[in-house]
Amino acid sequence: MFSRIASVVGAAVIVGGAMLGITSPANAETVPGCGSLPPIGTTAYVMSGNTKIGSVKQFAGCGKNYAYTFVWEGFRSTHSNWEVCVSVATGSSAPYSLEGLKCISNKADNWSSGTNTLSQCTHAVGNVKWGDNHPTARTSIRC
C-alpha cells in the first residue's frame, strides 16, 4: 500500500513539475576531446528579465581552457529560433579579449574552441540571441 501511494505521489510531483515548466541546467559536461571535468569558477546565468534561460561555465583540461553555454529547456520549448555564442575571455579587467569564440543556431549547448590561456586570467562569456534580445553572462575571473 505504501509503495503504491509513493508511486502516485512521485508521479504527481513529476507531472506537476512539468506543468509548471521547471527546468534545470546541465550537470556533468564532457569537454570536447578531453572528457568529463568539473567547472572552474562560478556558474553564471543568462537571464531574460527575471528568468534564467541558460548557464555559462568555464573548464580547464587537456592543457586548454574551454567555455560552455547551455540553453535551458524552458527557453528552447518556447522559442523557435535563437543563437548561442560562447568564448573564453582573457584579462583581469576590461577590455577583455575573446578567445575561441563560437556561435551556433538552435542548439541546446555550445562549446568554445579550446584556448591556450591557462597561464592567463580568464572567464567564460556566453549569450543567447533572439530577435533584438542578446542577454550575456560571464563567470568569475580565474587567474
Protein backbone atom coordinates (compact mmCIF):
# COMPACT_ATOMS: atom_id res chain seq x y z
CA MET A 1 0.00 0.00 0.00
CA PHE A 2 2.79 2.43 0.94
CA SER A 3 4.68 1.79 -2.32
CA ARG A 4 1.50 2.47 -4.33
CA ILE A 5 0.96 5.79 -2.51
CA ALA A 6 4.62 6.71 -3.02
CA SER A 7 4.32 5.92 -6.74
CA VAL A 8 1.21 8.08 -7.11
CA VAL A 9 2.76 10.97 -5.15
CA GLY A 10 6.01 10.68 -7.15
CA ALA A 11 4.12 10.73 -10.44
CA ALA A 12 2.13 13.77 -9.29
CA VAL A 13 5.34 15.62 -8.43
CA ILE A 14 6.85 14.83 -11.84
CA VAL A 15 3.69 15.85 -13.72
CA GLY A 16 3.24 18.94 -11.54
CA GLY A 17 6.84 19.99 -12.15
CA ALA A 18 6.43 19.53 -15.90
CA MET A 19 3.22 21.57 -15.86
CA LEU A 20 4.99 24.41 -14.04
CA GLY A 21 7.79 24.41 -16.58
CA ILE A 22 10.50 23.69 -14.03
CA THR A 23 13.86 23.48 -15.73
CA SER A 24 17.36 22.77 -14.60
CA PRO A 25 20.83 23.29 -16.04
CA ALA A 26 23.14 20.59 -17.30
CA ASN A 27 25.12 18.86 -14.56
CA ALA A 28 28.09 16.91 -15.89
CA GLU A 29 29.61 18.24 -19.08
CA THR A 30 32.19 16.50 -21.21
CA VAL A 31 34.90 18.77 -22.56
CA PRO A 32 35.30 18.05 -26.30
CA GLY A 33 38.12 15.57 -26.80
CA CYS A 34 39.06 15.75 -23.13
CA GLY A 35 36.42 14.01 -21.01
CA SER A 36 34.34 14.93 -18.00
CA LEU A 37 35.85 17.68 -15.84
CA PRO A 38 34.50 19.89 -13.07
CA PRO A 39 33.92 23.54 -13.94
CA ILE A 40 36.29 26.21 -12.62
CA GLY A 41 34.99 29.45 -11.15
CA THR A 42 31.35 30.26 -10.63
CA THR A 43 28.49 29.31 -12.90
CA ALA A 44 26.87 32.36 -14.48
CA TYR A 45 23.26 32.54 -15.62
CA VAL A 46 21.91 34.12 -18.80
CA MET A 47 18.76 35.99 -17.80
CA SER A 48 15.71 37.14 -19.73
CA GLY A 49 14.15 39.57 -17.29
CA ASN A 50 13.93 37.61 -14.04
CA THR A 51 14.03 34.21 -15.76
CA LYS A 52 17.14 32.08 -16.08
CA ILE A 53 17.36 30.87 -19.68
CA GLY A 54 20.88 29.46 -19.73
CA SER A 55 24.07 28.74 -17.83
CA VAL A 56 27.69 29.58 -18.60
CA LYS A 57 30.70 27.66 -17.23
CA GLN A 58 34.46 27.56 -17.70
CA PHE A 59 36.56 24.40 -17.74
CA ALA A 60 40.30 23.70 -17.76
CA GLY A 61 41.60 20.41 -19.04
CA CYS A 62 43.93 18.77 -21.52
CA GLY A 63 46.16 21.85 -21.49
CA LYS A 64 43.43 24.33 -22.52
CA ASN A 65 40.56 26.46 -21.26
CA TYR A 66 37.03 25.98 -22.58
CA ALA A 67 33.82 27.95 -22.18
CA TYR A 68 30.41 26.28 -22.25
CA THR A 69 26.88 27.66 -22.55
CA PHE A 70 23.72 25.60 -22.06
CA VAL A 71 20.30 26.95 -23.12
CA TRP A 72 17.61 25.71 -20.75
CA GLU A 73 14.63 23.67 -21.93
CA GLY A 74 12.15 26.28 -20.67
CA PHE A 75 13.56 28.75 -23.21
CA ARG A 76 14.05 26.23 -26.03
CA SER A 77 10.48 24.97 -25.77
CA THR A 78 9.04 28.47 -26.23
CA HIS A 79 11.37 29.81 -28.95
CA SER A 80 11.82 28.55 -32.49
CA ASN A 81 14.96 30.46 -33.41
CA TRP A 82 17.98 31.57 -31.35
CA GLU A 83 21.76 31.68 -31.48
CA VAL A 84 24.04 30.69 -28.60
CA CYS A 85 27.57 32.13 -28.52
CA VAL A 86 30.39 31.29 -26.13
CA SER A 87 34.03 32.24 -25.64
CA VAL A 88 36.89 32.35 -23.18
CA ALA A 89 37.69 35.94 -22.26
CA THR A 90 41.23 36.85 -21.23
CA GLY A 91 42.41 39.61 -18.94
CA SER A 92 41.64 40.60 -15.36
CA SER A 93 39.82 43.80 -16.29
CA ALA A 94 38.02 45.27 -19.30
CA PRO A 95 38.56 45.43 -22.16
CA TYR A 96 38.69 41.64 -22.41
CA SER A 97 39.88 39.70 -25.41
CA LEU A 98 37.53 36.96 -26.64
CA GLU A 99 39.29 33.70 -27.48
CA GLY A 100 37.83 30.58 -29.11
CA LEU A 101 34.52 32.30 -29.93
CA LYS A 102 31.87 30.01 -31.41
CA CYS A 103 28.23 30.70 -32.27
CA ILE A 104 25.63 28.15 -33.31
CA SER A 105 21.91 28.38 -34.06
CA ASN A 106 19.06 26.48 -32.43
CA LYS A 107 21.18 24.10 -30.32
CA ALA A 108 20.86 23.36 -26.62
CA ASP A 109 24.53 23.90 -25.90
CA ASN A 110 27.76 25.21 -27.33
CA TRP A 111 31.48 24.87 -26.51
CA SER A 112 34.16 27.39 -27.35
CA SER A 113 37.28 26.22 -29.08
CA GLY A 114 39.99 25.15 -26.65
CA THR A 115 42.26 28.10 -25.90
CA ASN A 116 45.91 28.18 -24.87
CA THR A 117 45.16 30.53 -21.97
CA LEU A 118 45.92 28.50 -18.83
CA SER A 119 48.65 30.96 -17.82
CA GLN A 120 46.29 33.97 -18.13
CA CYS A 121 43.36 35.35 -16.16
CA THR A 122 40.21 34.07 -17.87
CA HIS A 123 36.46 33.77 -17.57
CA ALA A 124 33.73 32.25 -19.72
CA VAL A 125 31.30 34.50 -21.57
CA GLY A 126 28.08 33.25 -23.14
CA ASN A 127 24.96 34.75 -24.60
CA VAL A 128 21.68 33.76 -26.19
CA LYS A 129 20.42 35.90 -29.07
CA TRP A 130 16.89 36.02 -30.46
CA GLY A 131 15.23 38.95 -32.20
CA ASP A 132 16.61 42.14 -30.68
CA ASN A 133 17.49 40.35 -27.42
CA HIS A 134 21.01 39.20 -26.58
CA PRO A 135 21.48 38.77 -22.82
CA THR A 136 25.02 37.85 -21.81
CA ALA A 137 26.53 36.27 -18.70
CA ARG A 138 30.10 35.75 -17.54
CA THR A 139 31.67 33.54 -14.91
CA SER A 140 34.08 34.71 -12.25
CA ILE A 141 37.64 35.53 -13.33
CA ARG A 142 40.17 32.79 -12.62
CA CYS A 143 43.90 33.57 -12.56
